[in-house]
Amino acid sequence: MLSEFDLIARYFTRPLQPRSAATLGVGDDCALLAPAPGLQLAISTDMLVEGRHFYAGADPALLGHKSLAVNLSDLAAMGAKPLAFTLALALPAADEAWLAPFAQGLLALADSYGCELVGGDTTRGPLTISITVFGEVPQAQALRRSAASPGDDIWVSGTLGDARLALASLAGELTLDAASLAAAAPRLHAPTPRVALGLALRGVAGAAIDISDGLAGDLGHILEQSGVGATVEIDALPAGPMLACQRPDLQRAWCMAGGDDYELCFTAAPGRRDAVLEAARASGTPVTRIGAIDAVPGLRLVDAAGQPCRISQASFDHFATP
């Protein structure tokens, strides 16, 4: 039977890399980070709870990937470069058959972004994964939710809604054929954090946020913190390839409020359109202009003809959503 310290040593302890921002990692009471001069630390925490954020029996390798990906997505939204992270893990039992693929999925993604595991905690309890991630960003260059201005364009990266489509199929809300589910499921289980785009948008974008709970709600945070409103062209939203095969009402609803997309929503002045497209090209990330920031508070949706429209679905809220 693995002890707590055997578990940490076997699956989560590795030597620090030569260019690490950490001067002390796993094994002491605290990790020590040394950000470079002129840089600020960007810090974010996310928690995933079995039965709330993922189904019991979820693939542990994919779960390891997603656990870190959702935190890296927060760094992307701030234009921050990943440095390191900590892991707090509650486990029903020290199951090596689960721990090995979980650690593999987690650390493979960490390695691809140069983000080192530098500490954390383990305990017995219902399966819960909590990660705190650390990044660095030059002073005064962080992308902020409060920086949108009237007249700005609104952009989103990638595509929206396929994660919600996969969830709907797994929950029995609708039926997808095996090939369609297999194509949509990676958007739910293994999202790609848009770190490269976030870095490329420094000095180009105004406000930014990652789309975790749904575009309507997450864009709403930008509007609230910037004291502005927005008009979104709902039929311009880039539906995922599998969602694009569904009914128009589902496309609209799940692009606007599906959740689990982990794309970036950001604003930029109209005069920066070429710079936005260059950032997209340089980062290998497609972007779509979906509307504009208004001076009048509130979120307004219009169709392709410019007529007002509504959707009935709201973005996800952990305490308001069943």
Protein backbone atom coordinates (compact mmCIF):
# COMPACT_ATOMS: atom_id res chain seq x y z
CA MET A 1 0.00 0.00 0.00
CA LEU A 2 1.39 3.38 -1.00
CA SER A 3 1.86 5.96 1.73
CA GLU A 4 1.16 9.63 1.06
CA PHE A 5 4.86 10.34 0.65
CA ASP A 6 5.48 7.25 -1.51
CA LEU A 7 2.65 8.44 -3.78
CA ILE A 8 4.17 11.90 -4.17
CA ALA A 9 7.68 10.57 -4.70
CA ARG A 10 6.66 7.96 -7.26
CA TYR A 11 4.26 9.96 -9.43
CA PHE A 12 4.81 13.68 -8.87
CA THR A 13 8.46 14.35 -7.96
CA ARG A 14 10.91 15.24 -10.73
CA PRO A 15 14.17 17.23 -10.85
CA LEU A 16 13.79 20.94 -11.53
CA GLN A 17 14.67 21.97 -15.07
CA PRO A 18 17.84 24.06 -15.60
CA ARG A 19 15.89 27.21 -16.58
CA SER A 20 13.19 26.78 -13.98
CA ALA A 21 11.68 29.81 -12.24
CA ALA A 22 11.56 27.65 -9.13
CA THR A 23 14.66 27.56 -6.95
CA LEU A 24 13.06 24.94 -4.69
CA GLY A 25 10.37 22.49 -5.73
CA VAL A 26 8.62 19.38 -4.37
CA GLY A 27 9.77 18.13 -0.98
CA ASP A 28 9.89 21.11 1.38
CA ASP A 29 7.24 23.13 3.23
CA CYS A 30 7.07 25.68 0.39
CA ALA A 31 8.28 26.01 -3.17
CA LEU A 32 10.42 29.03 -3.95
CA LEU A 33 9.87 30.97 -7.18
CA ALA A 34 12.14 33.68 -8.53
CA PRO A 35 10.39 35.70 -11.27
CA ALA A 36 12.67 37.65 -13.56
CA PRO A 37 13.13 41.40 -12.96
CA GLY A 38 10.37 43.54 -14.45
CA LEU A 39 7.85 40.68 -14.49
CA GLN A 40 4.77 40.11 -12.35
CA LEU A 41 3.44 36.76 -11.16
CA ALA A 42 0.03 35.75 -12.50
CA ILE A 43 -1.67 33.19 -10.21
CA SER A 44 -4.86 31.20 -10.73
CA THR A 45 -6.57 28.29 -8.96
CA ASP A 46 -9.17 25.86 -10.30
CA MET A 47 -10.84 22.88 -8.66
CA LEU A 48 -12.37 19.83 -10.36
CA VAL A 49 -14.74 17.67 -8.32
CA GLU A 50 -15.95 14.23 -9.34
CA GLY A 51 -19.66 14.26 -10.10
CA ARG A 52 -19.65 18.03 -10.65
CA HIS A 53 -16.93 18.71 -13.20
CA PHE A 54 -16.42 15.19 -14.52
CA TYR A 55 -18.17 11.83 -14.41
CA ALA A 56 -17.11 9.03 -12.09
CA GLY A 57 -14.83 6.69 -14.00
CA ALA A 58 -13.46 9.43 -16.28
CA ASP A 59 -10.30 8.51 -18.16
CA PRO A 60 -7.50 9.46 -15.71
CA ALA A 61 -5.01 10.50 -18.42
CA LEU A 62 -7.52 12.88 -19.99
CA LEU A 63 -8.51 14.11 -16.53
CA GLY A 64 -4.87 14.89 -15.75
CA HIS A 65 -4.62 16.87 -18.96
CA LYS A 66 -7.82 18.83 -18.39
CA SER A 67 -7.00 19.59 -14.75
CA LEU A 68 -3.97 21.59 -15.81
CA ALA A 69 -5.39 22.84 -19.12
CA VAL A 70 -8.17 24.82 -17.45
CA ASN A 71 -5.57 26.65 -15.34
CA LEU A 72 -3.29 27.32 -18.29
CA SER A 73 -6.31 28.79 -20.05
CA ASP A 74 -6.56 31.38 -17.27
CA LEU A 75 -2.91 32.33 -17.83
CA ALA A 76 -3.60 32.60 -21.56
CA ALA A 77 -6.41 35.05 -20.89
CA MET A 78 -3.97 37.29 -19.00
CA GLY A 79 -1.21 37.05 -21.61
CA ALA A 80 0.97 35.26 -19.06
CA LYS A 81 3.69 32.69 -19.75
CA PRO A 82 3.33 29.50 -17.66
CA LEU A 83 6.02 28.88 -15.03
CA ALA A 84 4.95 26.35 -12.42
CA PHE A 85 1.99 24.82 -10.60
CA THR A 86 0.98 23.06 -7.41
CA LEU A 87 -1.40 20.10 -7.12
CA ALA A 88 -3.77 19.34 -4.25
CA LEU A 89 -5.28 15.90 -4.73
CA ALA A 90 -7.96 14.14 -2.66
CA LEU A 91 -8.22 10.43 -3.50
CA PRO A 92 -10.62 7.73 -2.31
CA ALA A 93 -7.62 5.36 -2.35
CA ALA A 94 -4.00 5.30 -3.53
CA ASP A 95 -4.85 3.38 -6.71
CA GLU A 96 -1.68 2.98 -8.79
CA ALA A 97 -3.67 1.96 -11.88
CA TRP A 98 -5.37 5.39 -11.72
CA LEU A 99 -2.40 7.45 -10.54
CA ALA A 100 0.01 6.42 -13.29
CA PRO A 101 -2.09 7.59 -16.27
CA PHE A 102 -3.34 10.65 -14.37
CA ALA A 103 0.23 11.76 -13.69
CA GLN A 104 1.22 10.97 -17.28
CA GLY A 105 -1.58 13.11 -18.74
CA LEU A 106 -0.93 15.94 -16.29
CA LEU A 107 2.85 16.07 -16.69
CA ALA A 108 2.82 15.62 -20.48
CA LEU A 109 0.78 18.82 -20.80
CA ALA A 110 2.96 20.54 -18.21
CA ASP A 111 6.10 19.65 -20.17
CA SER A 112 4.63 20.95 -23.42
CA TYR A 113 4.26 24.40 -21.82
CA GLY A 114 7.40 24.36 -19.68
CA CYS A 115 5.27 24.48 -16.53
CA GLU A 116 6.79 22.59 -13.59
CA LEU A 117 5.04 20.86 -10.71
CA VAL A 118 6.64 22.41 -7.61
CA GLY A 119 4.49 21.24 -4.70
CA GLY A 120 1.03 20.49 -3.34
CA ASP A 121 -0.76 18.10 -1.02
CA THR A 122 -2.56 14.75 -1.00
CA THR A 123 -5.25 13.38 1.27
CA ARG A 124 -7.93 10.70 1.38
CA GLY A 125 -11.41 11.82 0.37
CA PRO A 126 -13.84 12.14 -2.55
CA LEU A 127 -11.89 12.57 -5.79
CA THR A 128 -11.04 16.28 -6.01
CA ILE A 129 -8.27 17.93 -8.01
CA SER A 130 -7.16 21.47 -7.23
CA ILE A 131 -4.36 23.15 -9.13
CA THR A 132 -2.77 26.54 -8.59
CA VAL A 133 -0.76 27.77 -11.55
CA PHE A 134 1.88 30.50 -11.67
CA GLY A 135 2.82 32.52 -14.74
CA GLU A 136 4.77 35.64 -15.52
CA VAL A 137 3.84 38.74 -17.49
CA PRO A 138 5.71 42.02 -18.00
CA GLN A 139 4.49 44.82 -15.77
CA ALA A 140 1.54 46.75 -17.24
CA GLN A 141 1.12 44.22 -20.08
CA ALA A 142 -1.37 41.80 -18.51
CA LEU A 143 -4.67 41.49 -20.40
CA ARG A 144 -7.47 42.59 -18.07
CA ARG A 145 -11.23 42.14 -18.03
CA SER A 146 -11.61 45.84 -17.26
CA ALA A 147 -9.93 47.19 -20.42
CA ALA A 148 -12.73 47.11 -23.02
CA SER A 149 -13.73 50.44 -24.63
CA PRO A 150 -16.75 51.51 -26.70
CA GLY A 151 -16.08 50.86 -30.37
CA ASP A 152 -13.74 47.91 -29.75
CA ASP A 153 -14.18 44.79 -31.85
CA ILE A 154 -15.04 41.57 -30.00
CA TRP A 155 -13.18 38.44 -31.07
CA VAL A 156 -13.17 34.77 -30.13
CA SER A 157 -10.54 32.15 -30.83
CA GLY A 158 -11.14 28.72 -32.29
CA THR A 159 -14.64 27.28 -32.34
CA LEU A 160 -17.42 27.03 -29.78
CA GLY A 161 -19.98 24.49 -28.67
CA ASP A 162 -18.54 21.07 -29.48
CA ALA A 163 -17.69 20.47 -25.81
CA ARG A 164 -21.32 21.16 -24.87
CA LEU A 165 -22.48 18.88 -27.68
CA ALA A 166 -20.32 16.04 -26.38
CA LEU A 167 -21.63 16.59 -22.85
CA ALA A 168 -25.21 16.54 -24.11
CA SER A 169 -24.59 13.22 -25.81
CA LEU A 170 -22.95 11.69 -22.72
CA ALA A 171 -25.81 12.98 -20.54
CA GLY A 172 -28.46 11.52 -22.86
CA GLU A 173 -29.88 14.89 -23.92
CA LEU A 174 -29.45 13.92 -27.57
CA THR A 175 -27.98 11.07 -29.58
CA LEU A 176 -24.79 11.40 -31.58
CA ASP A 177 -23.38 8.66 -33.78
CA ALA A 178 -20.09 7.19 -32.58
CA ALA A 179 -17.97 9.08 -35.11
CA SER A 180 -19.50 12.47 -34.25
CA LEU A 181 -19.09 11.87 -30.52
CA ALA A 182 -15.49 10.78 -31.02
CA ALA A 183 -14.84 14.01 -32.95
CA ALA A 184 -16.52 16.29 -30.39
CA ALA A 185 -15.35 14.60 -27.18
CA PRO A 186 -11.74 15.89 -27.21
CA ARG A 187 -13.09 19.44 -26.90
CA LEU A 188 -14.70 18.38 -23.61
CA HIS A 189 -12.05 16.08 -22.21
CA ALA A 190 -8.79 17.53 -23.55
CA PRO A 191 -9.11 21.26 -24.27
CA THR A 192 -6.19 23.19 -25.75
CA PRO A 193 -5.24 26.27 -23.68
CA ARG A 194 -4.62 29.23 -26.01
CA VAL A 195 -1.35 30.26 -24.36
CA ALA A 196 0.44 31.16 -27.60
CA LEU A 197 -2.42 33.44 -28.67
CA GLY A 198 -2.55 35.11 -25.26
CA LEU A 199 1.15 35.91 -25.45
CA ALA A 200 0.80 37.22 -29.02
CA LEU A 201 -2.06 39.51 -27.96
CA ARG A 202 0.03 41.48 -25.47
CA GLY A 203 -0.06 45.09 -26.59
CA VAL A 204 -2.75 44.27 -29.17
CA ALA A 205 -5.88 43.26 -27.26
CA GLY A 206 -7.71 45.40 -24.72
CA ALA A 207 -9.75 43.14 -22.44
CA ALA A 208 -9.64 39.34 -22.45
CA ILE A 209 -11.17 36.34 -20.67
CA ASP A 210 -11.18 32.60 -21.21
CA ILE A 211 -14.51 30.99 -22.08
CA SER A 212 -15.12 28.38 -19.40
CA ASP A 213 -18.75 28.84 -18.34
CA GLY A 214 -20.12 30.03 -21.71
CA LEU A 215 -19.52 33.03 -23.94
CA ALA A 216 -22.55 35.01 -22.74
CA GLY A 217 -21.60 34.82 -19.09
CA ASP A 218 -17.86 35.23 -19.57
CA LEU A 219 -18.22 38.17 -21.95
CA GLY A 220 -20.61 39.57 -19.35
CA HIS A 221 -17.71 39.72 -16.87
CA ILE A 222 -15.78 41.91 -19.31
CA LEU A 223 -18.80 44.18 -19.79
CA GLU A 224 -19.39 44.52 -16.06
CA GLN A 225 -15.78 45.22 -15.13
CA SER A 226 -15.26 47.61 -18.06
CA GLY A 227 -18.58 49.44 -17.52
CA VAL A 228 -19.68 48.91 -21.13
CA GLY A 229 -22.17 46.92 -23.22
CA ALA A 230 -21.90 44.82 -26.37
CA THR A 231 -23.69 43.78 -29.52
CA VAL A 232 -22.89 40.25 -30.67
CA GLU A 233 -23.74 38.92 -34.13
CA ILE A 234 -24.97 35.51 -33.05
CA ASP A 235 -24.80 33.97 -36.52
CA ALA A 236 -21.13 34.99 -36.80
CA LEU A 237 -20.18 32.74 -33.88
CA PRO A 238 -17.78 29.99 -35.03
CA ALA A 239 -19.64 26.77 -34.24
CA GLY A 240 -17.50 23.67 -33.83
CA PRO A 241 -17.59 21.28 -36.79
CA MET A 242 -19.84 18.77 -35.03
CA LEU A 243 -22.19 21.40 -33.59
CA ALA A 244 -22.43 22.97 -37.07
CA CYS A 245 -24.29 19.81 -38.15
CA GLN A 246 -27.03 20.36 -35.54
CA ARG A 247 -30.19 22.48 -35.56
CA PRO A 248 -29.68 26.26 -35.79
CA ASP A 249 -31.25 26.82 -32.36
CA LEU A 250 -28.75 24.45 -30.75
CA GLN A 251 -25.89 26.10 -32.59
CA ARG A 252 -26.91 29.50 -31.28
CA ALA A 253 -27.57 28.34 -27.72
CA TRP A 254 -24.42 26.28 -27.28
CA CYS A 255 -22.11 28.75 -28.98
CA MET A 256 -23.39 31.48 -26.65
CA ALA A 257 -23.80 29.52 -23.43
CA GLY A 258 -22.41 26.01 -23.83
CA GLY A 259 -19.35 26.21 -21.58
CA ASP A 260 -16.13 24.16 -21.43
CA ASP A 261 -14.80 25.77 -24.62
CA TYR A 262 -11.59 27.20 -23.09
CA GLU A 263 -11.22 29.59 -26.00
CA LEU A 264 -10.32 33.26 -25.56
CA CYS A 265 -12.79 36.12 -25.90
CA PHE A 266 -11.03 39.45 -26.28
CA THR A 267 -11.51 43.00 -27.47
CA ALA A 268 -9.32 45.23 -29.63
CA ALA A 269 -9.65 48.61 -31.26
CA PRO A 270 -10.79 48.46 -34.93
CA GLY A 271 -7.45 49.93 -35.97
CA ARG A 272 -5.75 46.82 -34.53
CA ARG A 273 -7.52 44.30 -36.78
CA ASP A 274 -4.40 43.56 -38.82
CA ALA A 275 -2.42 43.12 -35.60
CA VAL A 276 -5.06 40.71 -34.25
CA LEU A 277 -4.92 38.65 -37.44
CA GLU A 278 -1.11 38.62 -37.28
CA ALA A 279 -1.26 37.41 -33.66
CA ALA A 280 -3.63 34.66 -34.77
CA ARG A 281 -1.31 33.68 -37.62
CA ALA A 282 1.81 33.75 -35.45
CA SER A 283 0.17 31.57 -32.77
CA GLY A 284 -1.51 29.18 -35.21
CA THR A 285 -4.91 29.99 -33.72
CA PRO A 286 -7.94 31.01 -35.82
CA VAL A 287 -9.94 34.01 -34.58
CA THR A 288 -13.36 35.39 -35.53
CA ARG A 289 -14.77 38.89 -35.08
CA ILE A 290 -18.21 38.47 -33.50
CA GLY A 291 -19.39 41.97 -32.59
CA ALA A 292 -18.53 45.27 -30.98
CA ILE A 293 -18.38 46.97 -27.60
CA ASP A 294 -21.07 49.63 -26.97
CA ALA A 295 -21.27 52.47 -24.49
CA VAL A 296 -24.77 51.38 -23.36
CA PRO A 297 -24.57 48.62 -20.70
CA GLY A 298 -25.98 45.17 -21.45
CA LEU A 299 -25.47 42.36 -23.94
CA ARG A 300 -27.50 42.53 -27.15
CA LEU A 301 -27.73 39.71 -29.70
CA VAL A 302 -28.56 40.28 -33.36
CA ASP A 303 -28.97 37.84 -36.24
CA ALA A 304 -27.36 37.96 -39.68
CA ALA A 305 -29.94 40.54 -40.80
CA GLY A 306 -29.21 42.76 -37.80
CA GLN A 307 -32.50 41.92 -36.08
CA PRO A 308 -32.59 41.44 -32.28
CA CYS A 309 -32.79 37.83 -31.10
CA ARG A 310 -32.66 35.91 -27.84
CA ILE A 311 -31.49 32.57 -26.52
CA SER A 312 -33.10 30.83 -23.58
CA GLN A 313 -30.01 29.11 -22.17
CA ALA A 314 -27.85 30.83 -19.57
CA SER A 315 -24.14 30.28 -18.95
CA PHE A 316 -23.10 27.80 -16.27
CA ASP A 317 -23.09 28.84 -12.61
CA HIS A 318 -21.96 26.39 -9.91
CA PHE A 319 -24.59 27.54 -7.44
CA ALA A 320 -27.43 28.55 -9.78
CA THR A 321 -27.11 25.62 -12.25
CA PRO A 322 -28.54 22.28 -11.09
